[in-house]
Protein backbone atom coordinates (compact mmCIF):
# COMPACT_ATOMS: atom_id res chain seq x y z
CA MET A 1 157.65 83.62 58.17
CA THR A 2 156.88 85.00 61.63
CA ILE A 3 159.32 87.56 63.01
CA LYS A 4 160.09 86.53 66.60
CA ARG A 5 162.72 88.48 68.48
CA PHE A 6 163.12 88.13 72.25
CA GLY A 7 160.54 85.32 71.97
CA GLN A 8 157.85 87.84 70.98
CA ALA A 9 155.47 87.23 68.07
CA VAL A 10 152.81 89.72 66.95
CA LYS A 11 150.11 89.10 64.35
CA LEU A 12 147.81 91.80 62.98
CA GLU A 13 144.86 90.75 60.83
CA VAL A 14 142.61 93.10 58.87
CA PHE A 15 139.07 92.05 57.93
CA GLY A 16 136.39 93.32 55.57
CA PRO A 17 132.88 94.50 56.50
CA ASP A 18 131.79 90.94 57.38
CA ARG A 19 134.57 90.83 60.03
CA GLU A 20 135.42 87.31 58.84
CA THR A 21 137.24 87.61 55.51
CA VAL A 22 140.95 88.25 56.11
CA LEU A 23 142.24 90.93 53.73
CA PHE A 24 145.68 91.33 55.30
CA ASP A 25 147.93 89.34 57.61
CA SER A 26 151.12 90.88 59.03
CA ASP A 27 153.06 87.60 58.96
CA GLY A 28 156.73 88.34 58.25
CA LEU A 29 156.46 92.07 59.03
CA ARG A 30 157.43 94.17 62.01
CA VAL A 31 154.40 95.34 64.02
CA ASP A 32 154.44 97.82 66.92
CA PHE A 33 151.22 98.34 68.88
CA ASP A 34 149.81 100.64 71.55
CA ILE A 35 146.30 99.80 72.79
CA VAL A 36 144.59 102.00 75.36
CA ASN A 37 141.50 100.73 77.19
CA ILE A 38 139.95 103.64 79.07
CA PRO A 39 136.48 104.69 80.26
CA GLY A 40 134.27 105.35 77.27
CA PHE A 41 135.76 103.31 74.44
CA SER A 42 139.06 101.57 73.68
CA ARG A 43 141.41 102.81 70.98
CA ALA A 44 144.62 101.62 69.35
CA THR A 45 147.59 102.59 67.20
CA PHE A 46 149.49 100.06 65.09
CA LYS A 47 152.67 100.62 63.09
CA VAL A 48 153.36 98.07 60.35
CA TRP A 49 156.72 98.20 58.63
CA ASN A 50 157.31 97.73 54.89
CA MET A 51 153.84 96.70 53.74
CA ASP A 52 153.54 96.42 49.97
CA GLU A 53 151.48 98.98 48.10
CA LYS A 54 148.57 96.62 47.43
CA MET A 55 148.18 95.77 51.10
CA ILE A 56 148.32 99.42 52.13
CA LYS A 57 145.40 100.18 49.83
CA GLN A 58 143.47 97.21 51.24
CA VAL A 59 143.79 98.70 54.72
CA GLN A 60 143.13 102.32 53.75
CA HIS A 61 139.93 101.94 51.74
CA GLY A 62 136.52 100.64 52.73
CA GLU A 63 135.06 99.41 56.01
CA ARG A 64 137.89 97.63 57.79
CA TYR A 65 138.29 95.90 61.16
CA CYS A 66 141.33 94.38 62.83
CA ARG A 67 142.48 91.88 65.44
CA LEU A 68 145.85 91.70 67.20
CA THR A 69 147.24 88.46 68.61
CA CYS A 70 150.49 88.16 70.58
CA THR A 71 152.60 85.21 71.71
CA LEU A 72 155.54 85.13 74.11
CA HIS A 73 157.92 82.20 73.56
CA ASP A 74 155.73 79.09 73.31
CA ASP A 75 152.89 80.33 75.51
CA ALA A 76 149.27 80.32 74.37
CA PRO A 77 148.35 83.15 71.96
CA MET A 78 146.85 86.27 73.59
CA VAL A 79 144.19 88.29 71.76
CA ILE A 80 145.00 91.85 72.77
CA ALA A 81 142.50 93.65 70.54
CA ASP A 82 139.56 92.28 68.58
CA GLY A 83 136.80 93.91 66.54
CA PHE A 84 138.57 97.27 66.33
CA TYR A 85 137.26 99.53 63.56
CA ILE A 86 140.02 101.14 61.47
CA SER A 87 139.28 104.85 61.37
CA ASN A 88 142.40 106.03 59.54
CA ALA A 89 145.64 104.77 58.01
CA TYR A 90 148.52 106.52 56.29
CA GLU A 91 151.99 105.66 55.07
CA GLN A 92 155.17 107.53 55.96
CA THR A 93 158.78 107.02 54.96
CA ILE A 94 161.40 106.58 57.65
CA VAL A 95 164.49 105.95 55.54
CA PRO A 96 165.10 103.24 54.52
CA ASP A 97 161.70 101.90 55.65
CA SER A 98 158.05 102.52 54.89
CA VAL A 99 155.82 102.62 57.98
CA THR A 100 152.03 102.36 57.78
CA ASN A 101 150.28 103.96 60.76
CA ILE A 102 146.89 102.41 61.48
CA PHE A 103 144.45 103.98 63.93
CA GLY A 104 141.41 102.20 65.29
CA TYR A 105 138.86 102.11 68.05
CA SER A 106 136.37 99.62 69.46
CA ALA A 107 133.66 98.95 66.88
CA LEU A 108 131.16 99.36 69.73
CA ARG A 109 131.64 103.09 69.47
CA LYS A 110 130.27 102.97 65.92
CA ASP A 111 127.75 100.16 66.47
CA PHE A 112 126.37 101.24 69.86
CA LEU A 113 127.71 104.41 71.49
CA ASN A 114 127.27 106.69 68.45
CA LYS A 115 123.72 105.51 67.71
CA GLN A 116 121.03 108.18 68.00
CA ILE A 117 117.98 107.16 70.03
CA LYS A 118 114.68 108.64 71.08
CA LEU A 119 112.64 106.69 73.58
CA THR A 120 110.57 106.96 76.75
CA VAL A 121 111.43 104.60 79.58
CA LYS A 122 108.79 103.49 82.07
CA ASP A 123 110.15 102.81 85.57
CA PRO A 124 113.54 104.32 84.58
CA SER A 125 115.94 102.35 86.75
CA LEU A 126 119.46 102.04 85.35
CA ARG A 127 118.82 98.44 84.34
CA ASN A 128 115.55 99.32 82.57
CA ILE A 129 117.15 102.25 80.75
CA MET A 130 120.03 100.15 79.42
CA THR A 131 117.75 97.23 78.52
CA GLN A 132 115.48 99.47 76.47
CA ILE A 133 118.41 101.20 74.75
CA SER A 134 119.99 97.88 73.69
CA GLN A 135 116.64 96.50 72.52
CA GLU A 136 116.02 99.63 70.47
CA ILE A 137 119.42 99.33 68.73
CA LYS A 138 119.12 95.58 68.11
CA SER A 139 115.70 96.04 66.51
CA ARG A 140 117.08 98.22 63.71
CA PRO A 141 117.77 96.80 60.22
CA ASP A 142 121.39 98.04 60.28
CA ASN A 143 122.10 96.57 63.73
CA LYS A 144 125.64 95.25 64.28
CA PHE A 145 125.59 95.20 68.08
CA ARG A 146 126.06 91.54 68.98
CA GLY A 147 127.03 91.93 72.62
CA LYS A 148 125.22 92.63 75.87
CA VAL A 149 125.22 95.10 78.74
CA ILE A 150 127.14 93.82 81.79
CA TYR A 151 127.06 95.32 85.30
CA ARG A 152 129.96 94.93 87.73
CA ASN A 153 130.13 95.68 91.46
CA PHE A 154 126.74 97.41 91.61
CA PRO A 155 124.65 97.24 94.77
CA GLY A 156 121.43 95.50 93.68
CA ALA A 157 119.31 98.35 94.98
CA ASP A 158 121.23 100.87 92.91
CA LEU A 159 120.67 98.99 89.66
CA ASP A 160 116.93 98.66 90.18
CA TYR A 161 116.17 101.93 91.95
CA ILE A 162 113.22 103.72 90.30
CA PRO A 163 113.19 107.49 90.83
CA PRO A 164 109.97 109.32 91.80
CA ARG A 165 109.45 110.34 88.18
CA THR A 166 108.26 107.02 86.71
CA TYR A 167 108.67 108.01 83.05
CA LYS A 168 111.81 109.42 81.51
CA SER A 169 112.44 110.47 77.89
CA ARG A 170 115.85 109.90 76.33
CA THR A 171 117.05 111.65 73.18
CA GLY A 172 120.52 111.84 71.66
CA SER A 173 123.48 109.53 71.21
CA VAL A 174 123.89 106.58 73.55
CA GLU A 175 127.35 107.90 74.45
CA GLY A 176 125.88 111.25 75.46
CA LEU A 177 123.20 109.61 77.57
CA LEU A 178 125.72 107.40 79.36
CA GLU A 179 127.90 110.41 80.11
CA ASN A 180 124.84 112.14 81.54
CA ILE A 181 123.68 109.36 83.85
CA SER A 182 127.03 107.82 84.82
CA LYS A 183 128.51 110.65 86.90
CA PRO A 184 129.47 110.07 89.63
CA ARG A 185 127.90 106.62 90.03
CA PHE A 186 129.78 104.45 87.55
CA LYS A 187 132.07 104.26 84.53
CA TYR A 188 131.42 102.42 81.29
CA PHE A 189 133.82 100.53 79.01
CA THR A 190 133.90 98.65 75.72
CA ILE A 191 135.27 95.16 76.39
CA GLY A 192 135.11 92.70 73.51
CA GLU A 193 131.57 92.88 72.13
CA ASP A 194 130.06 94.01 75.44
CA ILE A 195 129.31 97.32 77.08
CA VAL A 196 130.42 97.02 80.70
CA LEU A 197 129.21 99.35 83.45
CA MET A 198 131.35 99.35 86.61
CA TYR A 199 130.21 100.85 89.91
CA GLN A 200 132.88 102.46 92.09
CA PRO A 201 131.98 102.00 95.75
CA THR A 202 133.21 104.14 98.61
CA ALA A 203 134.48 102.76 101.89
CA ASP A 204 131.01 103.46 103.32
CA ASN A 205 129.03 101.29 100.89
CA LEU A 206 131.70 98.73 100.02
CA ASP A 207 129.85 95.99 101.93
CA GLN A 208 126.80 96.45 99.68
CA THR A 209 128.82 95.34 96.64
CA ASP A 210 130.62 92.12 95.72
CA LEU A 211 134.00 93.83 95.31
CA ALA A 212 135.46 92.26 98.45
CA THR A 213 134.08 88.78 97.74
CA ARG A 214 134.55 88.38 93.98
CA LYS A 215 136.40 85.17 93.13
CA ASP A 216 137.78 86.27 89.75
CA THR A 217 140.46 88.54 91.24
CA ILE A 218 143.91 88.72 89.69
CA GLU A 219 146.68 88.30 92.25
CA ILE A 220 149.63 90.41 91.20
CA ASP A 221 152.85 88.40 91.16
CA PRO A 222 155.90 90.50 92.14
CA ASN A 223 157.99 88.50 89.64
CA ASN A 224 155.74 89.72 86.80
CA LEU A 225 156.28 93.42 87.55
CA SER A 226 158.72 95.37 85.41
CA SER A 227 158.98 98.27 87.89
CA ALA A 228 157.95 99.10 91.43
CA PRO A 229 154.21 99.83 91.75
CA LYS A 230 153.06 103.32 92.75
CA ILE A 231 150.52 103.23 95.55
CA GLY A 232 148.71 106.34 96.79
CA PRO A 233 145.47 107.08 98.66
CA GLY A 234 143.08 104.71 96.92
CA GLN A 235 145.25 104.78 93.78
CA LEU A 236 147.48 102.19 92.15
CA VAL A 237 149.71 102.33 89.07
CA LEU A 238 151.67 99.26 88.07
CA GLU A 239 153.62 98.08 85.06
CA CYS A 240 153.96 94.38 84.31
CA ASN A 241 154.71 92.00 81.46
CA LEU A 242 152.12 92.04 78.69
CA ASP A 243 148.97 90.38 80.03
CA SER A 244 145.74 90.21 78.02
CA GLY A 245 143.96 88.88 81.12
CA ILE A 246 144.03 92.37 82.65
CA TYR A 247 141.37 94.74 81.30
CA PRO A 248 139.26 97.59 82.69
CA THR A 249 137.00 96.40 85.56
CA SER A 250 139.48 93.61 86.48
CA ILE A 251 139.94 93.29 90.24
CA LEU A 252 143.62 93.36 91.17
CA ASP A 253 144.78 91.94 94.51
CA ILE A 254 148.11 93.43 95.59
CA SER A 255 148.38 91.58 98.92
CA ASN A 256 151.41 89.66 97.58
CA ILE A 257 153.39 92.82 96.91
CA VAL A 258 152.54 94.82 100.04
CA THR A 259 153.20 93.86 103.64
CA ALA A 260 152.42 95.67 106.89
CA VAL A 261 154.37 95.14 110.11
CA VAL A 262 152.91 96.35 113.42
CA ASP A 263 155.28 97.50 116.15
CA ALA A 264 153.23 96.65 119.26
CA GLU A 265 153.05 94.11 122.04
CA ASP A 266 150.66 91.13 121.88
CA LYS A 267 148.38 92.57 124.57
CA THR A 268 147.96 95.77 122.57
CA LEU A 269 147.17 93.88 119.38
CA GLN A 270 144.46 91.86 121.13
CA LEU A 271 142.64 95.06 122.12
CA ALA A 272 142.04 96.25 118.57
CA PRO A 273 142.05 93.27 116.17
CA LYS A 274 139.34 94.70 113.91
CA TYR A 275 141.05 98.04 113.55
CA LEU A 276 144.38 96.41 112.72
CA LYS A 277 142.80 94.12 110.17
CA GLU A 278 140.88 96.86 108.37
CA ALA A 279 143.28 99.76 108.70
CA ILE A 280 146.78 98.31 108.95
CA ALA A 281 146.35 95.34 106.63
CA GLY A 282 144.24 97.59 104.45
CA PHE A 283 141.88 96.89 101.57
CA THR A 284 144.16 95.40 98.93
CA LYS A 285 141.72 95.00 96.04
CA TYR A 286 141.72 97.58 93.27
CA GLN A 287 139.41 98.13 90.28
CA ALA A 288 141.32 98.56 87.02
CA LEU A 289 140.24 101.81 85.32
CA THR A 290 142.72 102.19 82.46
CA VAL A 291 144.78 99.43 80.89
CA GLN A 292 147.43 100.09 78.24
CA HIS A 293 149.07 97.28 76.27
CA ARG A 294 152.29 98.12 74.40
CA GLY A 295 154.66 95.93 72.49
CA SER A 296 156.44 94.89 69.33
CA ASN A 297 157.84 91.81 67.66
CA PHE A 298 161.02 93.75 66.92
CA THR A 299 161.92 95.57 70.16
CA ARG A 300 162.04 94.66 73.84
CA GLN A 301 158.88 96.60 74.66
CA TRP A 302 156.24 94.16 75.92
CA ASP A 303 154.22 95.51 78.81
CA THR A 304 150.87 96.31 80.36
CA ILE A 305 150.35 99.49 82.38
CA VAL A 306 147.37 99.64 84.75
CA THR A 307 145.82 102.50 86.68
CA ALA A 308 143.36 101.34 89.34
CA SER A 309 141.35 102.71 92.26
CA SER A 310 140.23 101.37 95.59
CA PRO A 311 137.56 102.47 98.10
CA THR A 312 139.09 104.78 100.67
CA LYS A 313 138.03 107.21 103.38
CA GLY A 314 141.30 109.08 102.96
CA LYS A 315 142.22 108.78 106.64
CA ASP A 316 143.29 105.18 107.23
CA SER A 317 146.75 103.67 106.90
CA PRO A 318 148.78 103.45 103.69
CA ILE A 319 146.95 100.99 101.46
CA ARG A 320 143.56 102.38 102.31
CA GLY A 321 144.57 106.02 102.24
CA TRP A 322 146.71 108.60 103.93
CA ASN A 323 145.70 111.47 106.17
CA VAL A 324 147.09 114.27 104.02
């Protein structure tokens, strides 16, 4: 029996080491969730109410993974989290209920980011470094990395640039190496089974990327917002109904929720059309950096909170930046 209040259904499944055999299904139980997708790796907290003792032990012991699926009314199911490794779980009593707190993070942290490597890269462009790292991990007997490395919004020259030193040695964890080479060029994320590297352009090199021309942008519908968005110099924070289609590196287009009116005569506008287009209309596409999904099948909470950034010189009009 699926609990469905306010038209909200939540299903948490727990799997064994093969990530296929279902050991636990939350059908009939209250589930609250809080999933945070941020640079580095995604993490999650689940609260399951009144699990029986046998099921609690199934979750607490051994190598466990989980998947969370949500449905609103009769819409298509949304997979909010998949392949999350359960790092800890404990039971607490909140009279008259028993609540099992389950903590997890993207399995890619364990299967890729935490792996120790030692290699020498010839022609150490970013693409060559990441290719060699992933090949090294996939060649190991204990390999569980089934995804790929994806690049978003990079200028082609930046991806394939080979520094003067044509050989570079790499030693340590993959996570440590990425932290070392990413600043300030890009951020990396765990999305599904893939490691995704996202370049953050400035207003000066925006035209060298595909950020302005990408077709897979998400147009923000004002009717889907649960509160007024906060827009600052190159910054955006918005809260909307739960939406699994929004994840880090998504391109958000806010042109439908922001308008600019120019107080000038027609002759004046004709003198500076390019300036008005670029500065007054502004650059309305933002790169999602952090995405938090929160909800429950027992309360009204059901939302997605996004923090995003946009290229800015810090001296144009509102959407592009303020002169502060």
